Amino acid sequence: MKPSLRNLRHAVGATLLVLGAGCTTVAPIQSPGRYIAGQKPRTVWLTKTNRSVVRVDGPRMVGDTVVGSVGGEYTEIPLSDVTRASAIQSDKGKTILAALLGGGVTIAAAAVIFSHGGSGESNANQIADTMTLQRQF
């Protein structure tokens, strides 16, 4: 594989990584019980009435109680003890911005790589010319 194509692949890979990160955000949930039961998120952050924030992994609803793992320990938190809930959600604005930036970076990288590249024939011709010149002197 030519070095220029390898560089282009690295640039595209880095762009895709940025795009993936740009597509989500932690945002408040309006109805935690319904959201957890319907969306089955991997993680939620619950703000309790005492103002502590608890990260619950693998949350599920059992009646009006959030059940899941907090710090590796099984935990039950009644919704009556929760004042706010947040979860990772899609963010269309970030996705659009990341796509625009990523596309621009990819196009710029391709332009730089291919403007300095070439088919490789010019290098072969230069070597042949050098060898011819050496024979003349």
Protein backbone atom coordinates (compact mmCIF):
# COMPACT_ATOMS: atom_id res chain seq x y z
CA MET A 1 0.00 0.00 0.00
CA LYS A 2 1.33 3.44 -0.89
CA PRO A 3 2.20 5.68 2.07
CA SER A 4 -0.26 8.33 0.85
CA LEU A 5 -3.18 5.87 0.94
CA ARG A 6 -2.13 4.68 4.40
CA ASN A 7 -2.14 8.30 5.64
CA LEU A 8 -5.57 8.86 4.11
CA ARG A 9 -6.90 5.75 5.85
CA HIS A 10 -5.54 7.02 9.19
CA ALA A 11 -7.18 10.41 8.66
CA VAL A 12 -10.52 8.81 7.79
CA GLY A 13 -10.27 6.46 10.79
CA ALA A 14 -9.57 9.33 13.18
CA THR A 15 -12.48 11.27 11.68
CA LEU A 16 -14.87 8.35 12.21
CA LEU A 17 -13.71 8.08 15.83
CA VAL A 18 -14.50 11.76 16.40
CA LEU A 19 -17.86 11.37 14.66
CA GLY A 20 -18.81 8.50 16.94
CA ALA A 21 -17.98 10.50 20.05
CA GLY A 22 -19.87 13.54 18.80
CA CYS A 23 -23.19 11.78 18.46
CA THR A 24 -24.16 11.45 22.13
CA THR A 25 -24.51 13.52 25.27
CA VAL A 26 -25.71 13.02 28.82
CA ALA A 27 -29.12 14.69 29.05
CA PRO A 28 -31.96 14.83 31.56
CA ILE A 29 -34.79 12.29 31.38
CA GLN A 30 -38.35 13.57 31.79
CA SER A 31 -40.00 10.32 32.96
CA PRO A 32 -37.28 8.11 34.46
CA GLY A 33 -39.52 5.10 35.09
CA ARG A 34 -40.87 4.99 31.53
CA TYR A 35 -37.50 5.82 29.98
CA ILE A 36 -35.64 3.07 31.85
CA ALA A 37 -38.34 0.49 31.14
CA GLY A 38 -38.68 1.42 27.45
CA GLN A 39 -35.15 2.38 26.38
CA LYS A 40 -33.19 0.00 28.63
CA PRO A 41 -30.13 2.29 28.91
CA ARG A 42 -26.80 0.84 30.05
CA THR A 43 -26.32 3.59 32.64
CA VAL A 44 -28.36 6.33 34.29
CA TRP A 45 -27.33 9.05 36.71
CA LEU A 46 -29.84 9.70 39.49
CA THR A 47 -29.82 12.78 41.69
CA LYS A 48 -31.35 11.84 45.02
CA THR A 49 -33.29 14.08 47.40
CA ASN A 50 -30.13 14.47 49.53
CA ARG A 51 -28.43 15.96 46.40
CA SER A 52 -26.06 13.03 45.92
CA VAL A 53 -25.63 11.77 42.37
CA VAL A 54 -25.57 8.02 41.87
CA ARG A 55 -24.46 6.21 38.71
CA VAL A 56 -26.60 3.13 38.20
CA ASP A 57 -25.34 0.53 35.72
CA GLY A 58 -27.77 -1.91 34.13
CA PRO A 59 -30.83 -0.14 35.51
CA ARG A 60 -34.30 -1.67 35.29
CA MET A 61 -37.62 -0.87 36.83
CA VAL A 62 -39.28 -3.06 39.44
CA GLY A 63 -42.54 -1.32 40.23
CA ASP A 64 -41.60 2.25 41.16
CA THR A 65 -38.02 1.36 42.07
CA VAL A 66 -34.84 1.59 40.00
CA VAL A 67 -32.81 -1.57 40.45
CA GLY A 68 -29.21 -1.87 39.26
CA SER A 69 -25.54 -1.86 40.13
CA VAL A 70 -23.91 1.04 41.98
CA GLY A 71 -20.16 0.57 42.34
CA GLY A 72 -20.58 -3.15 41.65
CA GLU A 73 -23.18 -3.59 44.40
CA TYR A 74 -26.86 -4.42 43.87
CA THR A 75 -28.92 -1.33 44.72
CA GLU A 76 -32.59 -0.38 44.84
CA ILE A 77 -33.58 3.30 44.64
CA PRO A 78 -37.26 4.27 44.88
CA LEU A 79 -38.27 6.95 42.35
CA SER A 80 -39.68 8.93 45.29
CA ASP A 81 -36.03 9.45 46.38
CA VAL A 82 -35.02 10.79 42.92
CA THR A 83 -35.21 14.49 42.00
CA ARG A 84 -33.48 14.23 38.61
CA ALA A 85 -32.36 11.51 36.20
CA SER A 86 -29.98 11.65 33.24
CA ALA A 87 -28.83 9.20 30.59
CA ILE A 88 -26.68 9.07 27.46
CA GLN A 89 -28.83 10.13 24.51
CA SER A 90 -28.39 11.00 20.84
CA ASP A 91 -27.50 14.62 20.11
CA LYS A 92 -28.44 15.66 16.56
CA GLY A 93 -26.67 19.01 16.81
CA LYS A 94 -23.36 17.41 17.77
CA THR A 95 -23.79 14.78 15.07
CA ILE A 96 -24.27 17.40 12.35
CA LEU A 97 -21.33 19.48 13.59
CA ALA A 98 -19.09 16.41 13.82
CA ALA A 99 -20.08 15.31 10.30
CA LEU A 100 -19.28 18.74 8.86
CA LEU A 101 -15.94 18.95 10.66
CA GLY A 102 -15.07 15.35 9.85
CA GLY A 103 -15.87 15.80 6.18
CA GLY A 104 -13.76 18.93 6.02
CA VAL A 105 -10.81 17.24 7.71
CA THR A 106 -11.05 14.23 5.39
CA ILE A 107 -11.17 16.41 2.26
CA ALA A 108 -8.27 18.55 3.48
CA ALA A 109 -6.19 15.46 4.32
CA ALA A 110 -6.89 13.91 0.92
CA ALA A 111 -5.98 17.16 -0.84
CA VAL A 112 -2.66 17.44 1.02
CA ILE A 113 -1.78 13.78 0.53
CA PHE A 114 -2.61 13.62 -3.14
CA SER A 115 -1.11 17.01 -4.02
CA HIS A 116 2.32 15.72 -2.92
CA GLY A 117 1.84 12.17 -4.13
CA GLY A 118 1.99 11.01 -7.68
CA SER A 119 1.96 7.72 -9.48
CA GLY A 120 5.50 6.83 -8.50
CA GLU A 121 6.67 7.02 -12.12
CA SER A 122 8.31 10.39 -11.54
CA ASN A 123 10.57 8.83 -8.89
CA ALA A 124 11.50 6.02 -11.28
CA ASN A 125 12.23 8.55 -14.03
CA GLN A 126 14.39 10.62 -11.67
CA ILE A 127 16.42 7.55 -10.74
CA ALA A 128 16.87 6.63 -14.41
CA ASP A 129 17.93 10.21 -15.22
CA THR A 130 20.42 10.17 -12.36
CA MET A 131 21.91 6.91 -13.59
CA THR A 132 22.19 8.31 -17.13
CA LEU A 133 23.92 11.46 -15.85
CA GLN A 134 26.41 9.41 -13.83
CA ARG A 135 27.43 7.49 -16.96
CA GLN A 136 28.08 10.73 -18.82
CA PHE A 137 30.58 12.07 -16.27
